[in-house]
Amino acid sequence: MELSKQIQKYRKEQNLSQEDLAEKIHVTRHTISNWERNKNIPDLNSLILLSQIFNTSLDHLVKGDIKTMEHQLSNKHFNNWTFVMGISSIWFCCKVKKYS
């Protein structure tokens, strides 16, 4: 899951408004909005504060849900394999047709 979605998810789980969260980490509400819309990303100090407020590890906050990431990687590998097999099949058909 993207960092922007993680921030929004954790903020809502804690029943915090963007304004509430902004006050806790000493930024503006607009900054929180930009993070959640993936317009920019928090600096390291803000990430550390976010992980403390959300009671989660910095690693989990930044990387997201491990199962989601594994699923995305699995899909990516499958899509790559499908693409390679498709290109190979087209190439093979062209070669067979050329020599027929």
Protein backbone atom coordinates (compact mmCIF):
# COMPACT_ATOMS: atom_id res chain seq x y z
CA MET A 1 0.00 0.00 0.00
CA GLU A 2 1.27 3.47 -0.82
CA LEU A 3 2.50 5.66 2.01
CA SER A 4 -0.25 8.18 1.24
CA LYS A 5 -2.92 5.51 1.75
CA GLN A 6 -1.21 4.23 4.89
CA ILE A 7 -1.22 7.69 6.47
CA GLN A 8 -4.89 8.16 5.67
CA LYS A 9 -5.82 4.67 6.89
CA TYR A 10 -4.00 5.04 10.22
CA ARG A 11 -5.32 8.57 10.75
CA LYS A 12 -8.90 7.41 10.27
CA GLU A 13 -8.38 4.35 12.49
CA GLN A 14 -7.32 6.73 15.27
CA ASN A 15 -10.36 8.96 14.58
CA LEU A 16 -8.12 11.94 13.89
CA SER A 17 -8.98 14.73 11.52
CA GLN A 18 -6.27 16.07 9.26
CA GLU A 19 -6.18 19.13 11.52
CA ASP A 20 -5.75 16.97 14.65
CA LEU A 21 -2.89 15.02 13.11
CA ALA A 22 -1.27 18.19 11.82
CA GLU A 23 -1.23 19.67 15.33
CA LYS A 24 0.37 16.54 16.77
CA ILE A 25 3.29 16.62 14.35
CA HIS A 26 3.57 20.40 14.00
CA VAL A 27 2.64 20.78 10.35
CA THR A 28 -0.33 22.34 8.58
CA ARG A 29 -3.55 20.55 7.65
CA HIS A 30 -2.65 21.28 4.03
CA THR A 31 0.58 19.30 4.49
CA ILE A 32 -1.37 16.27 5.74
CA SER A 33 -3.72 16.62 2.79
CA ASN A 34 -0.78 16.70 0.39
CA TRP A 35 0.69 13.57 1.96
CA GLU A 36 -2.62 11.73 1.71
CA ARG A 37 -3.07 12.79 -1.93
CA ASN A 38 0.49 11.67 -2.72
CA LYS A 39 1.49 15.22 -3.72
CA ASN A 40 4.60 15.02 -1.54
CA ILE A 41 6.01 12.83 1.20
CA PRO A 42 6.81 13.43 4.86
CA ASP A 43 10.39 14.12 5.90
CA LEU A 44 12.14 11.62 8.16
CA ASN A 45 11.27 13.46 11.39
CA SER A 46 7.60 13.55 10.43
CA LEU A 47 7.66 9.85 9.52
CA ILE A 48 9.08 9.01 12.93
CA LEU A 49 6.39 11.07 14.66
CA LEU A 50 3.69 9.46 12.51
CA SER A 51 4.89 5.97 13.41
CA GLN A 52 4.80 6.90 17.12
CA ILE A 53 1.32 8.44 16.89
CA PHE A 54 -0.01 5.48 14.91
CA ASN A 55 1.76 3.03 17.22
CA THR A 56 3.34 1.15 14.34
CA SER A 57 6.89 0.58 13.19
CA LEU A 58 8.41 3.01 10.75
CA ASP A 59 9.09 0.04 8.49
CA HIS A 60 5.44 -1.02 8.46
CA LEU A 61 4.25 2.53 7.89
CA VAL A 62 6.53 3.05 4.91
CA LYS A 63 6.33 -0.41 3.38
CA GLY A 64 2.69 -1.10 4.14
CA ASP A 65 0.98 -4.40 4.62
CA ILE A 66 3.33 -7.30 3.89
CA LYS A 67 0.58 -9.52 2.44
CA THR A 68 -0.50 -6.75 0.07
CA MET A 69 3.09 -6.27 -1.07
CA GLU A 70 3.58 -10.02 -1.56
CA HIS A 71 0.40 -10.16 -3.62
CA GLN A 72 1.53 -7.23 -5.76
CA LEU A 73 4.92 -8.87 -6.34
CA SER A 74 3.28 -12.17 -7.21
CA ASN A 75 1.01 -10.45 -9.74
CA LYS A 76 3.97 -8.59 -11.21
CA HIS A 77 5.94 -11.82 -11.68
CA PHE A 78 2.91 -13.52 -13.24
CA ASN A 79 2.35 -10.59 -15.61
CA ASN A 80 6.02 -10.59 -16.60
CA TRP A 81 5.95 -14.34 -17.22
CA THR A 82 2.74 -14.02 -19.28
CA PHE A 83 4.30 -11.23 -21.36
CA VAL A 84 7.47 -13.25 -22.04
CA MET A 85 5.45 -16.33 -23.00
CA GLY A 86 3.24 -14.24 -25.31
CA ILE A 87 6.23 -12.71 -27.09
CA SER A 88 7.89 -16.13 -27.35
CA SER A 89 4.74 -17.63 -28.87
CA ILE A 90 4.49 -14.84 -31.45
CA TRP A 91 8.17 -15.21 -32.31
CA PHE A 92 7.79 -18.99 -32.63
CA CYS A 93 4.72 -18.65 -34.89
CA CYS A 94 6.56 -16.17 -37.11
CA LYS A 95 9.53 -18.53 -37.44
CA VAL A 96 7.30 -21.53 -38.24
CA LYS A 97 5.38 -19.54 -40.86
CA LYS A 98 8.64 -18.29 -42.40
CA TYR A 99 9.95 -21.83 -42.92
CA SER A 100 6.65 -23.35 -44.10
